[in-house]
Amino acid sequence: MFKDAANKVRSLLIQLKNKGWRYWAPVFGLLILGTILGMWLGERYVWIRMRYAIYGWIQNATRVTNPAKNTVVVLIDDEEYWKGELARRAPLNRDYLAKLLTKLATGAPATIALDIDLRSPVPERGTQELEAYRVETENLLQTIKTISQKHDVVLATTIRREGAGFTRSPNVFDDYDFGSGRVSHGYVTLPHDLRQVPLSVPVKNRAEREDSFAGAIAKTREETMVRAAEQE
């Protein structure tokens, strides 16, 4: 059986080899034209819903394994935000968040990802917090420092486009010393194209690249894999 298959492959290769330039010139021409046309259509989001559907079908059809996952999502709903301890306040009550993180840590999670806006209220002053919230913000950051000694903690950041690049907005935790804590962060903006995985981007006001929120979470488990994806 293997010998027959090898003979068929060998025969096919000989047939392809014997085809002249009149055959191969149109083939390569169509390949180049198709690549350019595909990029042009992608940049202009032409037939984008159909492309999403095809991409999703291919992704599901080629999935080899269904990896085990145990993800718990804790949501602050409207009822709790408007009428409860949070009292619809902005910024979100830091003492409340500190208690929430402390409770989550009792479940021995591998990673805690806090998708909460922690931007500085006065961006032109850098990472300074308003005096009214300084004590509770310090309490939250100290709680994160304590928890991160045993668990990875990922915080959310915001980037904004400026010209051809990005700038990261200052956060109240930027200058905080978490010691040996495992604290990372990433931006929560998603790409327009749903097929694109958000990876790190260079930012103008910081030396290092800014991970995406999803990428920062993934790095706590498979950092090598994420870095390999970014290099490609």
C-alpha atoms as a PDB file:
ATOM      1  CA  MET A   1       0.000   0.000   0.000  1.00  0.00           C
ATOM      2  CA  PHE A   2       2.798   2.410   0.924  1.00  0.00           C
ATOM      3  CA  LYS A   3       4.644   1.522  -2.267  1.00  0.00           C
ATOM      4  CA  ASP A   4       1.573   2.332  -4.395  1.00  0.00           C
ATOM      5  CA  ALA A   5       1.146   5.670  -2.646  1.00  0.00           C
ATOM      6  CA  ALA A   6       4.813   6.531  -3.151  1.00  0.00           C
ATOM      7  CA  ASN A   7       4.544   5.676  -6.840  1.00  0.00           C
ATOM      8  CA  LYS A   8       1.490   7.923  -7.231  1.00  0.00           C
ATOM      9  CA  VAL A   9       3.286  10.819  -5.546  1.00  0.00           C
ATOM     10  CA  ARG A  10       6.356  10.283  -7.708  1.00  0.00           C
ATOM     11  CA  SER A  11       4.204  10.217 -10.838  1.00  0.00           C
ATOM     12  CA  LEU A  12       2.453  13.427  -9.838  1.00  0.00           C
ATOM     13  CA  LEU A  13       5.760  15.203  -9.207  1.00  0.00           C
ATOM     14  CA  ILE A  14       7.045  14.139 -12.620  1.00  0.00           C
ATOM     15  CA  GLN A  15       3.901  15.509 -14.280  1.00  0.00           C
ATOM     16  CA  LEU A  16       4.266  18.840 -12.505  1.00  0.00           C
ATOM     17  CA  LYS A  17       7.943  19.018 -13.354  1.00  0.00           C
ATOM     18  CA  ASN A  18       7.240  18.433 -17.047  1.00  0.00           C
ATOM     19  CA  LYS A  19       4.796  21.339 -17.272  1.00  0.00           C
ATOM     20  CA  GLY A  20       6.417  24.306 -18.968  1.00  0.00           C
ATOM     21  CA  TRP A  21       6.504  27.992 -18.169  1.00  0.00           C
ATOM     22  CA  ARG A  22       3.246  28.546 -20.053  1.00  0.00           C
ATOM     23  CA  TYR A  23       1.553  26.590 -17.260  1.00  0.00           C
ATOM     24  CA  TRP A  24       3.427  27.958 -14.255  1.00  0.00           C
ATOM     25  CA  ALA A  25       3.473  31.662 -15.243  1.00  0.00           C
ATOM     26  CA  PRO A  26      -0.339  32.061 -14.950  1.00  0.00           C
ATOM     27  CA  VAL A  27      -0.363  30.001 -11.728  1.00  0.00           C
ATOM     28  CA  PHE A  28       2.156  32.267  -9.963  1.00  0.00           C
ATOM     29  CA  GLY A  29       0.528  35.341 -11.477  1.00  0.00           C
ATOM     30  CA  LEU A  30      -2.863  34.355 -10.048  1.00  0.00           C
ATOM     31  CA  LEU A  31      -1.293  33.585  -6.656  1.00  0.00           C
ATOM     32  CA  ILE A  32       0.281  37.051  -6.478  1.00  0.00           C
ATOM     33  CA  LEU A  33      -2.877  38.759  -7.724  1.00  0.00           C
ATOM     34  CA  GLY A  34      -5.043  36.805  -5.264  1.00  0.00           C
ATOM     35  CA  THR A  35      -2.771  37.734  -2.332  1.00  0.00           C
ATOM     36  CA  ILE A  36      -2.834  41.436  -3.208  1.00  0.00           C
ATOM     37  CA  LEU A  37      -6.604  41.390  -3.790  1.00  0.00           C
ATOM     38  CA  GLY A  38      -7.176  39.562  -0.502  1.00  0.00           C
ATOM     39  CA  MET A  39      -5.152  42.153   1.420  1.00  0.00           C
ATOM     40  CA  TRP A  40      -7.020  44.989  -0.327  1.00  0.00           C
ATOM     41  CA  LEU A  41     -10.404  43.470   0.529  1.00  0.00           C
ATOM     42  CA  GLY A  42      -9.332  42.840   4.125  1.00  0.00           C
ATOM     43  CA  GLU A  43      -8.199  46.434   4.661  1.00  0.00           C
ATOM     44  CA  ARG A  44     -11.576  47.702   3.449  1.00  0.00           C
ATOM     45  CA  TYR A  45     -13.645  45.085   5.325  1.00  0.00           C
ATOM     46  CA  VAL A  46     -15.297  43.874   2.105  1.00  0.00           C
ATOM     47  CA  TRP A  47     -17.452  40.753   2.611  1.00  0.00           C
ATOM     48  CA  ILE A  48     -16.251  40.829   6.219  1.00  0.00           C
ATOM     49  CA  ARG A  49     -19.174  38.844   7.716  1.00  0.00           C
ATOM     50  CA  MET A  50     -18.697  36.064   5.183  1.00  0.00           C
ATOM     51  CA  ARG A  51     -14.943  36.080   5.879  1.00  0.00           C
ATOM     52  CA  TYR A  52     -15.622  35.845   9.625  1.00  0.00           C
ATOM     53  CA  ALA A  53     -17.948  32.879   9.040  1.00  0.00           C
ATOM     54  CA  ILE A  54     -15.400  31.049   6.874  1.00  0.00           C
ATOM     55  CA  TYR A  55     -12.616  31.747   9.358  1.00  0.00           C
ATOM     56  CA  GLY A  56     -14.733  30.442  12.248  1.00  0.00           C
ATOM     57  CA  TRP A  57     -15.640  27.284  10.311  1.00  0.00           C
ATOM     58  CA  ILE A  58     -11.972  26.584   9.492  1.00  0.00           C
ATOM     59  CA  GLN A  59     -10.977  27.205  13.109  1.00  0.00           C
ATOM     60  CA  ASN A  60     -13.590  24.780  14.439  1.00  0.00           C
ATOM     61  CA  ALA A  61     -12.866  22.167  11.772  1.00  0.00           C
ATOM     62  CA  THR A  62      -9.119  22.128  12.459  1.00  0.00           C
ATOM     63  CA  ARG A  63      -9.343  22.137  16.272  1.00  0.00           C
ATOM     64  CA  VAL A  64      -7.318  19.160  17.458  1.00  0.00           C
ATOM     65  CA  THR A  65      -8.050  19.218  21.171  1.00  0.00           C
ATOM     66  CA  ASN A  66     -10.421  20.980  23.503  1.00  0.00           C
ATOM     67  CA  PRO A  67      -8.113  22.226  26.256  1.00  0.00           C
ATOM     68  CA  ALA A  68      -9.356  22.027  29.818  1.00  0.00           C
ATOM     69  CA  LYS A  69     -10.242  25.396  31.251  1.00  0.00           C
ATOM     70  CA  ASN A  70     -11.696  26.619  34.488  1.00  0.00           C
ATOM     71  CA  THR A  71     -12.523  30.296  34.087  1.00  0.00           C
ATOM     72  CA  VAL A  72     -14.723  32.148  36.562  1.00  0.00           C
ATOM     73  CA  VAL A  73     -16.125  35.556  35.587  1.00  0.00           C
ATOM     74  CA  VAL A  74     -17.289  37.882  38.380  1.00  0.00           C
ATOM     75  CA  LEU A  75     -19.524  40.672  37.098  1.00  0.00           C
ATOM     76  CA  ILE A  76     -20.599  43.851  38.857  1.00  0.00           C
ATOM     77  CA  ASP A  77     -24.143  44.200  37.510  1.00  0.00           C
ATOM     78  CA  ASP A  78     -26.321  47.289  37.269  1.00  0.00           C
ATOM     79  CA  GLU A  79     -28.282  46.559  40.445  1.00  0.00           C
ATOM     80  CA  GLU A  80     -25.126  46.295  42.523  1.00  0.00           C
ATOM     81  CA  TYR A  81     -23.482  49.293  40.905  1.00  0.00           C
ATOM     82  CA  TRP A  82     -26.422  51.699  41.243  1.00  0.00           C
ATOM     83  CA  LYS A  83     -27.919  50.711  44.587  1.00  0.00           C
ATOM     84  CA  GLY A  84     -25.321  48.823  46.559  1.00  0.00           C
ATOM     85  CA  GLU A  85     -22.080  49.703  48.277  1.00  0.00           C
ATOM     86  CA  LEU A  86     -20.656  51.077  45.029  1.00  0.00           C
ATOM     87  CA  ALA A  87     -23.334  53.815  44.969  1.00  0.00           C
ATOM     88  CA  ARG A  88     -22.772  54.447  41.222  1.00  0.00           C
ATOM     89  CA  ARG A  89     -19.563  56.258  42.068  1.00  0.00           C
ATOM     90  CA  ALA A  90     -16.698  56.947  39.693  1.00  0.00           C
ATOM     91  CA  PRO A  91     -13.994  55.935  40.326  1.00  0.00           C
ATOM     92  CA  LEU A  92     -15.259  52.555  41.497  1.00  0.00           C
ATOM     93  CA  ASN A  93     -14.914  52.150  45.259  1.00  0.00           C
ATOM     94  CA  ARG A  94     -11.340  50.896  45.823  1.00  0.00           C
ATOM     95  CA  ASP A  95     -12.148  49.404  49.241  1.00  0.00           C
ATOM     96  CA  TYR A  96     -14.876  47.332  47.599  1.00  0.00           C
ATOM     97  CA  LEU A  97     -12.396  46.100  44.975  1.00  0.00           C
ATOM     98  CA  ALA A  98      -9.848  45.250  47.674  1.00  0.00           C
ATOM     99  CA  LYS A  99     -12.418  43.106  49.502  1.00  0.00           C
ATOM    100  CA  LEU A 100     -13.432  41.448  46.230  1.00  0.00           C
ATOM    101  CA  LEU A 101      -9.810  40.539  45.399  1.00  0.00           C
ATOM    102  CA  THR A 102      -9.222  39.210  48.910  1.00  0.00           C
ATOM    103  CA  LYS A 103     -12.285  36.975  48.576  1.00  0.00           C
ATOM    104  CA  LEU A 104     -11.203  35.748  45.132  1.00  0.00           C
ATOM    105  CA  ALA A 105      -7.757  34.877  46.466  1.00  0.00           C
ATOM    106  CA  THR A 106      -9.288  32.410  48.953  1.00  0.00           C
ATOM    107  CA  GLY A 107     -10.250  30.240  45.985  1.00  0.00           C
ATOM    108  CA  ALA A 108      -6.546  29.701  45.120  1.00  0.00           C
ATOM    109  CA  PRO A 109      -6.809  31.042  41.546  1.00  0.00           C
ATOM    110  CA  ALA A 110      -3.859  30.792  39.168  1.00  0.00           C
ATOM    111  CA  THR A 111      -4.543  34.290  37.823  1.00  0.00           C
ATOM    112  CA  ILE A 112      -6.814  37.174  38.787  1.00  0.00           C
ATOM    113  CA  ALA A 113      -7.555  39.621  35.950  1.00  0.00           C
ATOM    114  CA  LEU A 114      -9.113  42.898  37.084  1.00  0.00           C
ATOM    115  CA  ASP A 115     -10.831  44.589  34.123  1.00  0.00           C
ATOM    116  CA  ILE A 116     -11.494  47.855  35.987  1.00  0.00           C
ATOM    117  CA  ASP A 117     -10.502  51.378  34.934  1.00  0.00           C
ATOM    118  CA  LEU A 118      -7.615  52.470  37.186  1.00  0.00           C
ATOM    119  CA  ARG A 119      -6.528  55.490  35.144  1.00  0.00           C
ATOM    120  CA  SER A 120      -5.247  58.544  36.938  1.00  0.00           C
ATOM    121  CA  PRO A 121      -8.013  61.157  37.382  1.00  0.00           C
ATOM    122  CA  VAL A 122      -5.547  63.928  36.534  1.00  0.00           C
ATOM    123  CA  PRO A 123      -3.490  62.642  33.565  1.00  0.00           C
ATOM    124  CA  GLU A 124      -1.313  65.762  33.369  1.00  0.00           C
ATOM    125  CA  ARG A 125      -0.073  64.996  36.895  1.00  0.00           C
ATOM    126  CA  GLY A 126       0.926  61.465  36.026  1.00  0.00           C
ATOM    127  CA  THR A 127      -0.091  58.767  38.494  1.00  0.00           C
ATOM    128  CA  GLN A 128      -1.421  61.022  41.258  1.00  0.00           C
ATOM    129  CA  GLU A 129      -4.713  60.110  42.886  1.00  0.00           C
ATOM    130  CA  LEU A 130      -7.246  62.647  44.141  1.00  0.00           C
ATOM    131  CA  GLU A 131      -6.974  63.292  47.878  1.00  0.00           C
ATOM    132  CA  ALA A 132     -10.517  62.037  48.514  1.00  0.00           C
ATOM    133  CA  TYR A 133      -9.608  58.581  47.215  1.00  0.00           C
ATOM    134  CA  ARG A 134      -5.947  58.370  48.216  1.00  0.00           C
ATOM    135  CA  VAL A 135      -6.443  56.126  51.303  1.00  0.00           C
ATOM    136  CA  GLU A 136      -8.696  53.588  49.602  1.00  0.00           C
ATOM    137  CA  THR A 137      -6.464  53.494  46.523  1.00  0.00           C
ATOM    138  CA  GLU A 138      -3.483  52.761  48.760  1.00  0.00           C
ATOM    139  CA  ASN A 139      -5.526  49.989  50.390  1.00  0.00           C
ATOM    140  CA  LEU A 140      -6.311  48.466  46.985  1.00  0.00           C
ATOM    141  CA  LEU A 141      -2.693  48.592  45.819  1.00  0.00           C
ATOM    142  CA  GLN A 142      -1.459  47.078  49.081  1.00  0.00           C
ATOM    143  CA  THR A 143      -4.036  44.296  48.700  1.00  0.00           C
ATOM    144  CA  ILE A 144      -2.840  43.627  45.148  1.00  0.00           C
ATOM    145  CA  LYS A 145       0.751  43.527  46.402  1.00  0.00           C
ATOM    146  CA  THR A 146      -0.148  40.966  49.086  1.00  0.00           C
ATOM    147  CA  ILE A 147      -2.222  38.757  46.802  1.00  0.00           C
ATOM    148  CA  SER A 148       0.321  38.865  43.982  1.00  0.00           C
ATOM    149  CA  GLN A 149       2.919  37.152  46.134  1.00  0.00           C
ATOM    150  CA  LYS A 150       0.996  33.896  45.551  1.00  0.00           C
ATOM    151  CA  HIS A 151      -1.198  34.608  42.525  1.00  0.00           C
ATOM    152  CA  ASP A 152      -0.679  36.374  39.207  1.00  0.00           C
ATOM    153  CA  VAL A 153      -2.654  39.624  39.007  1.00  0.00           C
ATOM    154  CA  VAL A 154      -3.355  41.368  35.687  1.00  0.00           C
ATOM    155  CA  LEU A 155      -4.567  44.984  35.639  1.00  0.00           C
ATOM    156  CA  ALA A 156      -6.263  46.845  32.802  1.00  0.00           C
ATOM    157  CA  THR A 157      -4.783  49.872  31.041  1.00  0.00           C
ATOM    158  CA  THR A 158      -5.915  52.210  28.274  1.00  0.00           C
ATOM    159  CA  ILE A 159      -4.042  53.210  25.137  1.00  0.00           C
ATOM    160  CA  ARG A 160      -5.053  55.914  22.685  1.00  0.00           C
ATOM    161  CA  ARG A 161      -3.910  56.498  19.142  1.00  0.00           C
ATOM    162  CA  GLU A 162      -1.751  59.537  18.500  1.00  0.00           C
ATOM    163  CA  GLY A 163      -0.786  59.976  14.884  1.00  0.00           C
ATOM    164  CA  ALA A 164       0.842  56.798  13.650  1.00  0.00           C
ATOM    165  CA  GLY A 165       1.403  55.329  17.130  1.00  0.00           C
ATOM    166  CA  PHE A 166      -0.094  54.805  20.569  1.00  0.00           C
ATOM    167  CA  THR A 167       0.223  56.475  23.966  1.00  0.00           C
ATOM    168  CA  ARG A 168      -0.646  54.780  27.250  1.00  0.00           C
ATOM    169  CA  SER A 169      -2.758  56.726  29.726  1.00  0.00           C
ATOM    170  CA  PRO A 170      -1.227  57.060  33.236  1.00  0.00           C
ATOM    171  CA  ASN A 171      -2.635  54.808  35.964  1.00  0.00           C
ATOM    172  CA  VAL A 172      -2.733  55.113  39.741  1.00  0.00           C
ATOM    173  CA  PHE A 173      -0.595  51.946  40.032  1.00  0.00           C
ATOM    174  CA  ASP A 174       2.203  52.953  37.634  1.00  0.00           C
ATOM    175  CA  ASP A 175       4.694  54.122  40.279  1.00  0.00           C
ATOM    176  CA  TYR A 176       3.621  51.689  42.992  1.00  0.00           C
ATOM    177  CA  ASP A 177       6.221  49.225  44.270  1.00  0.00           C
ATOM    178  CA  PHE A 178       4.670  45.758  44.200  1.00  0.00           C
ATOM    179  CA  GLY A 179       7.951  44.242  45.364  1.00  0.00           C
ATOM    180  CA  SER A 180       8.262  40.623  44.281  1.00  0.00           C
ATOM    181  CA  GLY A 181       4.567  40.445  43.435  1.00  0.00           C
ATOM    182  CA  ARG A 182       3.537  38.978  40.088  1.00  0.00           C
ATOM    183  CA  VAL A 183       1.638  41.992  38.731  1.00  0.00           C
ATOM    184  CA  SER A 184       1.278  42.679  35.021  1.00  0.00           C
ATOM    185  CA  HIS A 185      -1.030  44.837  32.916  1.00  0.00           C
ATOM    186  CA  GLY A 186      -2.442  45.209  29.422  1.00  0.00           C
ATOM    187  CA  TYR A 187      -4.676  47.433  27.307  1.00  0.00           C
ATOM    188  CA  VAL A 188      -8.328  46.493  26.838  1.00  0.00           C
ATOM    189  CA  THR A 189      -8.833  47.934  23.318  1.00  0.00           C
ATOM    190  CA  LEU A 190      -9.646  45.208  20.780  1.00  0.00           C
ATOM    191  CA  PRO A 191      -8.759  45.279  17.053  1.00  0.00           C
ATOM    192  CA  HIS A 192     -11.530  46.075  14.563  1.00  0.00           C
ATOM    193  CA  ASP A 193     -10.961  42.763  12.785  1.00  0.00           C
ATOM    194  CA  LEU A 194     -12.389  39.972  14.964  1.00  0.00           C
ATOM    195  CA  ARG A 195      -9.930  37.466  13.469  1.00  0.00           C
ATOM    196  CA  GLN A 196      -6.928  39.334  14.857  1.00  0.00           C
ATOM    197  CA  VAL A 197      -5.521  38.354  18.239  1.00  0.00           C
ATOM    198  CA  PRO A 198      -4.616  41.532  20.205  1.00  0.00           C
ATOM    199  CA  LEU A 199      -0.888  41.435  20.945  1.00  0.00           C
ATOM    200  CA  SER A 200       1.577  43.925  22.414  1.00  0.00           C
ATOM    201  CA  VAL A 201       2.089  47.327  20.780  1.00  0.00           C
ATOM    202  CA  PRO A 202       4.855  49.942  21.140  1.00  0.00           C
ATOM    203  CA  VAL A 203       3.788  53.083  23.024  1.00  0.00           C
ATOM    204  CA  LYS A 204       5.377  56.497  22.690  1.00  0.00           C
ATOM    205  CA  ASN A 205       5.516  57.410  26.381  1.00  0.00           C
ATOM    206  CA  ARG A 206       7.039  54.207  27.738  1.00  0.00           C
ATOM    207  CA  ALA A 207      10.196  52.282  26.928  1.00  0.00           C
ATOM    208  CA  GLU A 208       8.597  48.834  26.905  1.00  0.00           C
ATOM    209  CA  ARG A 209       5.757  47.612  24.710  1.00  0.00           C
ATOM    210  CA  GLU A 210       2.273  47.388  26.189  1.00  0.00           C
ATOM    211  CA  ASP A 211       0.692  43.934  26.268  1.00  0.00           C
ATOM    212  CA  SER A 212      -2.981  43.504  25.516  1.00  0.00           C
ATOM    213  CA  PHE A 213      -5.138  42.509  28.488  1.00  0.00           C
ATOM    214  CA  ALA A 214      -5.753  39.103  26.896  1.00  0.00           C
ATOM    215  CA  GLY A 215      -2.060  38.710  26.052  1.00  0.00           C
ATOM    216  CA  ALA A 216      -0.983  39.597  29.580  1.00  0.00           C
ATOM    217  CA  ILE A 217      -3.356  36.971  30.968  1.00  0.00           C
ATOM    218  CA  ALA A 218      -2.105  34.351  28.505  1.00  0.00           C
ATOM    219  CA  LYS A 219       1.507  35.137  29.411  1.00  0.00           C
ATOM    220  CA  THR A 220       0.872  34.092  33.006  1.00  0.00           C
ATOM    221  CA  ARG A 221       0.298  30.558  31.680  1.00  0.00           C
ATOM    222  CA  GLU A 222       2.103  30.291  28.300  1.00  0.00           C
ATOM    223  CA  GLU A 223       4.531  33.204  27.957  1.00  0.00           C
ATOM    224  CA  THR A 224       6.727  31.390  25.419  1.00  0.00           C
ATOM    225  CA  MET A 225       3.779  30.752  23.126  1.00  0.00           C
ATOM    226  CA  VAL A 226       2.614  34.389  23.234  1.00  0.00           C
ATOM    227  CA  ARG A 227       6.094  35.719  22.504  1.00  0.00           C
ATOM    228  CA  ALA A 228       6.427  33.296  19.593  1.00  0.00           C
ATOM    229  CA  ALA A 229       3.121  34.557  18.157  1.00  0.00           C
ATOM    230  CA  GLU A 230       4.330  38.161  18.431  1.00  0.00           C
ATOM    231  CA  GLN A 231       7.580  37.377  16.633  1.00  0.00           C
ATOM    232  CA  GLU A 232       5.672  35.819  13.756  1.00  0.00           C
END
